[in-house]
């Protein structure tokens, strides 16, 4: 075979990948800097939003604890009144059997 008709291999493909350096594309550094600035701004907004949600949850927890305490106080008063009246009724009533009317 002659050199003209011989198939070419991967080694014979010319490439400029080794010739490209960072100095030939300084705009890439500026683009990377802009991308990082946008990500920082977005993360700042996410953090502020998350902090606002945390603050709302904390406020609601305080309200829940206060309301629970008030309800427990009312329940305790009801129980105390019921036990006092039950003990007074036990001393006054005599025990009678169960009667049915037909």
N, C-alpha and C. Protein backbone atom coordinates (compact mmCIF):
# COMPACT_ATOMS: atom_id res chain seq x y z
N UNK A 1 0.84 -1.20 0.00
CA UNK A 1 0.00 0.00 0.00
C UNK A 1 0.87 1.25 0.00
N UNK A 2 0.37 2.20 -0.68
CA UNK A 2 1.10 3.45 -0.69
C UNK A 2 0.69 4.29 0.52
N UNK A 3 1.42 5.29 0.82
CA UNK A 3 1.13 6.14 1.97
C UNK A 3 -0.13 6.96 1.76
N UNK A 4 -0.48 7.20 0.52
CA UNK A 4 -1.69 7.98 0.25
C UNK A 4 -2.95 7.18 0.54
N UNK A 5 -2.96 5.90 0.25
CA UNK A 5 -4.16 5.10 0.41
C UNK A 5 -4.25 4.42 1.78
N UNK A 6 -3.25 4.55 2.59
CA UNK A 6 -3.25 3.92 3.90
C UNK A 6 -4.22 4.64 4.83
N UNK A 7 -5.08 3.87 5.56
CA UNK A 7 -6.04 4.54 6.46
C UNK A 7 -5.30 5.23 7.61
N UNK A 8 -5.89 6.31 8.02
CA UNK A 8 -5.27 7.07 9.11
C UNK A 8 -5.79 6.57 10.45
N UNK A 9 -5.00 6.71 11.47
CA UNK A 9 -5.38 6.30 12.80
C UNK A 9 -5.59 7.51 13.70
N UNK A 10 -5.82 7.24 14.96
CA UNK A 10 -6.09 8.31 15.92
C UNK A 10 -4.87 9.22 16.09
N UNK A 11 -3.69 8.65 15.94
CA UNK A 11 -2.47 9.45 16.12
C UNK A 11 -2.32 10.51 15.04
N UNK A 12 -2.91 10.26 13.87
CA UNK A 12 -2.72 11.18 12.76
C UNK A 12 -3.70 12.35 12.77
N UNK A 13 -4.69 12.35 13.68
CA UNK A 13 -5.65 13.45 13.75
C UNK A 13 -5.00 14.61 14.47
N UNK A 14 -5.04 15.76 13.82
CA UNK A 14 -4.43 16.94 14.42
C UNK A 14 -5.37 17.56 15.44
N UNK A 15 -4.82 18.11 16.50
CA UNK A 15 -5.63 18.72 17.55
C UNK A 15 -4.92 19.94 18.07
N UNK A 16 -5.72 20.89 18.55
CA UNK A 16 -5.13 22.09 19.15
C UNK A 16 -5.39 22.11 20.65
N UNK A 17 -5.81 20.99 21.22
CA UNK A 17 -6.17 21.00 22.63
C UNK A 17 -4.97 21.30 23.52
N UNK A 18 -3.82 20.92 23.12
CA UNK A 18 -2.63 21.21 23.94
C UNK A 18 -2.19 22.64 23.81
N UNK A 19 -2.64 23.35 22.80
CA UNK A 19 -2.21 24.72 22.57
C UNK A 19 -3.02 25.74 23.35
N UNK A 20 -4.22 25.35 23.85
CA UNK A 20 -5.10 26.27 24.54
C UNK A 20 -4.65 26.40 25.99
N UNK A 21 -4.45 27.61 26.45
CA UNK A 21 -4.05 27.86 27.84
C UNK A 21 -5.06 28.81 28.48
N UNK A 22 -4.93 28.98 29.78
CA UNK A 22 -5.83 29.90 30.50
C UNK A 22 -5.58 31.34 30.05
N UNK A 23 -4.39 31.63 29.61
CA UNK A 23 -4.08 33.00 29.17
C UNK A 23 -4.82 33.35 27.89
N UNK A 24 -5.15 32.35 27.10
CA UNK A 24 -5.87 32.64 25.85
C UNK A 24 -7.35 32.88 26.08
N UNK A 25 -7.91 32.51 27.27
CA UNK A 25 -9.34 32.69 27.58
C UNK A 25 -9.52 33.35 28.95
N UNK A 26 -9.11 34.61 29.09
CA UNK A 26 -9.28 35.27 30.40
C UNK A 26 -10.75 35.51 30.75
N UNK A 27 -11.64 35.56 29.76
CA UNK A 27 -13.05 35.81 30.02
C UNK A 27 -13.67 34.67 30.84
N UNK A 28 -13.07 33.48 30.79
CA UNK A 28 -13.60 32.36 31.57
C UNK A 28 -13.50 32.63 33.07
N UNK A 29 -12.45 33.30 33.48
CA UNK A 29 -12.30 33.65 34.90
C UNK A 29 -13.38 34.63 35.33
N UNK A 30 -13.68 35.60 34.46
CA UNK A 30 -14.73 36.57 34.79
C UNK A 30 -16.10 35.91 34.82
N UNK A 31 -16.33 34.99 33.89
CA UNK A 31 -17.61 34.26 33.90
C UNK A 31 -17.74 33.42 35.16
N UNK A 32 -16.69 32.76 35.57
CA UNK A 32 -16.72 31.95 36.79
C UNK A 32 -16.99 32.84 38.00
N UNK A 33 -16.36 34.01 38.03
CA UNK A 33 -16.58 34.96 39.12
C UNK A 33 -18.03 35.43 39.16
N UNK A 34 -18.62 35.70 38.00
CA UNK A 34 -20.03 36.12 37.93
C UNK A 34 -20.95 35.00 38.39
N UNK A 35 -20.65 33.77 37.98
CA UNK A 35 -21.47 32.62 38.39
C UNK A 35 -21.42 32.45 39.90
N UNK A 36 -20.24 32.59 40.49
CA UNK A 36 -20.11 32.46 41.94
C UNK A 36 -20.86 33.57 42.67
N UNK A 37 -20.84 34.79 42.12
CA UNK A 37 -21.57 35.90 42.74
C UNK A 37 -23.07 35.65 42.70
N UNK A 38 -23.57 35.12 41.58
CA UNK A 38 -25.01 34.82 41.49
C UNK A 38 -25.39 33.70 42.45
N UNK A 39 -24.54 32.69 42.57
CA UNK A 39 -24.84 31.60 43.50
C UNK A 39 -24.84 32.09 44.94
N UNK A 40 -23.89 32.99 45.26
CA UNK A 40 -23.84 33.54 46.62
C UNK A 40 -25.12 34.33 46.93
N UNK A 41 -25.60 35.10 45.96
CA UNK A 41 -26.83 35.87 46.17
C UNK A 41 -28.02 34.93 46.36
N UNK A 42 -28.09 33.88 45.54
CA UNK A 42 -29.20 32.93 45.65
C UNK A 42 -29.17 32.21 46.99
N UNK A 43 -27.98 31.79 47.42
CA UNK A 43 -27.86 31.10 48.72
C UNK A 43 -28.21 32.04 49.87
N UNK A 44 -27.89 33.32 49.72
CA UNK A 44 -28.26 34.29 50.75
C UNK A 44 -29.77 34.42 50.89
N UNK A 45 -30.47 34.43 49.75
CA UNK A 45 -31.93 34.49 49.78
C UNK A 45 -32.51 33.22 50.40
N UNK A 46 -31.95 32.07 50.05
CA UNK A 46 -32.42 30.80 50.62
C UNK A 46 -32.23 30.79 52.13
N UNK A 47 -31.09 31.31 52.58
CA UNK A 47 -30.80 31.33 54.02
C UNK A 47 -31.78 32.25 54.75
N UNK A 48 -32.06 33.42 54.16
CA UNK A 48 -32.99 34.36 54.78
C UNK A 48 -34.40 33.76 54.84
N UNK A 49 -34.80 33.08 53.78
CA UNK A 49 -36.12 32.44 53.75
C UNK A 49 -36.21 31.34 54.80
N UNK A 50 -35.16 30.54 54.91
CA UNK A 50 -35.16 29.46 55.90
C UNK A 50 -35.19 30.03 57.31
N UNK A 51 -34.46 31.13 57.55
CA UNK A 51 -34.46 31.75 58.87
C UNK A 51 -35.84 32.30 59.21
N UNK A 52 -36.53 32.86 58.23
CA UNK A 52 -37.90 33.37 58.46
C UNK A 52 -38.83 32.22 58.81
N UNK A 53 -38.69 31.09 58.14
CA UNK A 53 -39.53 29.93 58.47
C UNK A 53 -39.22 29.43 59.88
N UNK A 54 -37.96 29.42 60.26
CA UNK A 54 -37.58 28.98 61.61
C UNK A 54 -38.19 29.92 62.65
N UNK A 55 -38.13 31.23 62.38
CA UNK A 55 -38.71 32.20 63.32
C UNK A 55 -40.22 31.99 63.46
N UNK A 56 -40.91 31.74 62.34
CA UNK A 56 -42.37 31.49 62.40
C UNK A 56 -42.67 30.23 63.20
N UNK A 57 -41.88 29.19 63.01
CA UNK A 57 -42.09 27.94 63.75
C UNK A 57 -41.86 28.17 65.23
N UNK A 58 -40.81 28.92 65.59
CA UNK A 58 -40.54 29.20 67.00
C UNK A 58 -41.70 29.97 67.65
N UNK A 59 -42.23 30.96 66.93
CA UNK A 59 -43.36 31.73 67.46
C UNK A 59 -44.57 30.83 67.69
N UNK A 60 -44.83 29.95 66.74
CA UNK A 60 -45.99 29.05 66.87
C UNK A 60 -45.80 28.08 68.03
N UNK A 61 -44.57 27.61 68.24
CA UNK A 61 -44.31 26.71 69.37
C UNK A 61 -44.58 27.41 70.70
N UNK A 62 -44.21 28.68 70.80
CA UNK A 62 -44.48 29.43 72.03
C UNK A 62 -45.99 29.55 72.22
N UNK A 63 -46.74 29.85 71.15
CA UNK A 63 -48.20 29.96 71.24
C UNK A 63 -48.82 28.62 71.65
N UNK A 64 -48.33 27.54 71.08
CA UNK A 64 -48.87 26.21 71.40
C UNK A 64 -48.63 25.89 72.87
N UNK A 65 -47.45 26.17 73.37
CA UNK A 65 -47.15 25.88 74.78
C UNK A 65 -48.03 26.70 75.71
N UNK A 66 -48.25 27.98 75.37
CA UNK A 66 -49.10 28.84 76.21
C UNK A 66 -50.54 28.34 76.20
N UNK A 67 -51.05 27.99 75.02
CA UNK A 67 -52.42 27.51 74.92
C UNK A 67 -52.58 26.16 75.63
N UNK A 68 -51.59 25.29 75.49
CA UNK A 68 -51.65 23.99 76.18
C UNK A 68 -51.66 24.17 77.69
N UNK A 69 -50.84 25.09 78.17
CA UNK A 69 -50.82 25.35 79.61
C UNK A 69 -52.16 25.85 80.11
N UNK A 70 -52.78 26.77 79.36
CA UNK A 70 -54.09 27.29 79.75
C UNK A 70 -55.14 26.17 79.76
N UNK A 71 -55.12 25.32 78.75
CA UNK A 71 -56.09 24.21 78.69
C UNK A 71 -55.86 23.20 79.81
N UNK A 72 -54.61 22.94 80.13
CA UNK A 72 -54.32 22.03 81.25
C UNK A 72 -54.82 22.59 82.57
N UNK A 73 -54.70 23.90 82.75
CA UNK A 73 -55.21 24.53 83.97
C UNK A 73 -56.73 24.36 84.06
N UNK A 74 -57.42 24.58 82.95
CA UNK A 74 -58.88 24.41 82.93
C UNK A 74 -59.25 22.96 83.23
N UNK A 75 -58.54 22.02 82.63
CA UNK A 75 -58.82 20.60 82.86
C UNK A 75 -58.60 20.23 84.32
N UNK A 76 -57.54 20.74 84.91
CA UNK A 76 -57.28 20.46 86.32
C UNK A 76 -58.38 21.02 87.22
N UNK A 77 -58.88 22.21 86.89
CA UNK A 77 -59.98 22.78 87.67
C UNK A 77 -61.23 21.92 87.54
N UNK A 78 -61.53 21.45 86.33
CA UNK A 78 -62.70 20.60 86.12
C UNK A 78 -62.57 19.31 86.91
N UNK A 79 -61.40 18.72 86.91
CA UNK A 79 -61.17 17.47 87.65
C UNK A 79 -61.31 17.71 89.14
N UNK A 80 -60.77 18.81 89.63
CA UNK A 80 -60.87 19.12 91.05
C UNK A 80 -62.32 19.33 91.47
N UNK A 81 -63.09 20.05 90.67
CA UNK A 81 -64.50 20.28 90.98
C UNK A 81 -65.27 18.96 90.95
N UNK A 82 -64.99 18.13 89.95
CA UNK A 82 -65.70 16.85 89.82
C UNK A 82 -65.38 15.93 90.99
N UNK A 83 -64.14 15.88 91.43
CA UNK A 83 -63.79 14.99 92.56
C UNK A 83 -64.39 15.53 93.86
N UNK A 84 -64.45 16.85 94.01
CA UNK A 84 -65.05 17.42 95.22
C UNK A 84 -66.55 17.10 95.28
N UNK A 85 -67.26 17.28 94.17
CA UNK A 85 -68.70 17.00 94.17
C UNK A 85 -68.97 15.51 94.30
N UNK A 86 -68.11 14.69 93.73
CA UNK A 86 -68.29 13.23 93.84
C UNK A 86 -68.10 12.78 95.28
N UNK A 87 -67.14 13.34 95.96
CA UNK A 87 -66.91 12.94 97.36
C UNK A 87 -68.06 13.43 98.25
N UNK A 88 -68.62 14.60 97.93
CA UNK A 88 -69.76 15.08 98.71
C UNK A 88 -71.00 14.23 98.43
N UNK A 89 -71.22 13.80 97.21
CA UNK A 89 -72.38 12.99 96.85
C UNK A 89 -72.26 11.59 97.46
N UNK A 90 -71.08 11.04 97.57
CA UNK A 90 -70.89 9.71 98.15
C UNK A 90 -71.30 9.69 99.62
N UNK A 91 -71.02 10.75 100.32
CA UNK A 91 -71.37 10.79 101.74
C UNK A 91 -72.87 10.96 101.94
N UNK A 92 -73.55 11.65 101.00
CA UNK A 92 -74.97 11.91 101.17
C UNK A 92 -75.84 10.76 100.67
N UNK A 93 -75.42 10.05 99.63
CA UNK A 93 -76.28 9.03 99.02
C UNK A 93 -76.10 7.69 99.71
N UNK A 94 -77.20 6.98 99.73
CA UNK A 94 -77.12 5.59 100.17
C UNK A 94 -77.15 4.73 98.92
N UNK A 95 -76.51 3.61 99.00
CA UNK A 95 -76.41 2.77 97.82
C UNK A 95 -77.71 2.00 97.63
N UNK A 96 -78.27 2.09 96.43
CA UNK A 96 -79.49 1.37 96.11
C UNK A 96 -79.21 0.49 94.90
N UNK A 97 -80.03 -0.49 94.71
CA UNK A 97 -79.89 -1.41 93.60
C UNK A 97 -80.42 -0.82 92.31
N UNK A 98 -80.27 -1.55 91.28
CA UNK A 98 -80.71 -1.17 89.96
C UNK A 98 -82.15 -1.62 89.76
N UNK A 99 -83.06 -0.71 89.35
CA UNK A 99 -84.46 -1.11 89.14
C UNK A 99 -84.86 -0.82 87.71
N UNK A 100 -85.69 -1.69 87.17
CA UNK A 100 -86.20 -1.51 85.81
C UNK A 100 -87.70 -1.32 85.89
N UNK A 101 -88.23 -0.48 85.05
CA UNK A 101 -89.67 -0.30 84.96
C UNK A 101 -90.14 -0.82 83.63
N UNK A 102 -91.25 -1.57 83.64
CA UNK A 102 -91.84 -2.11 82.42
C UNK A 102 -93.13 -1.41 82.10
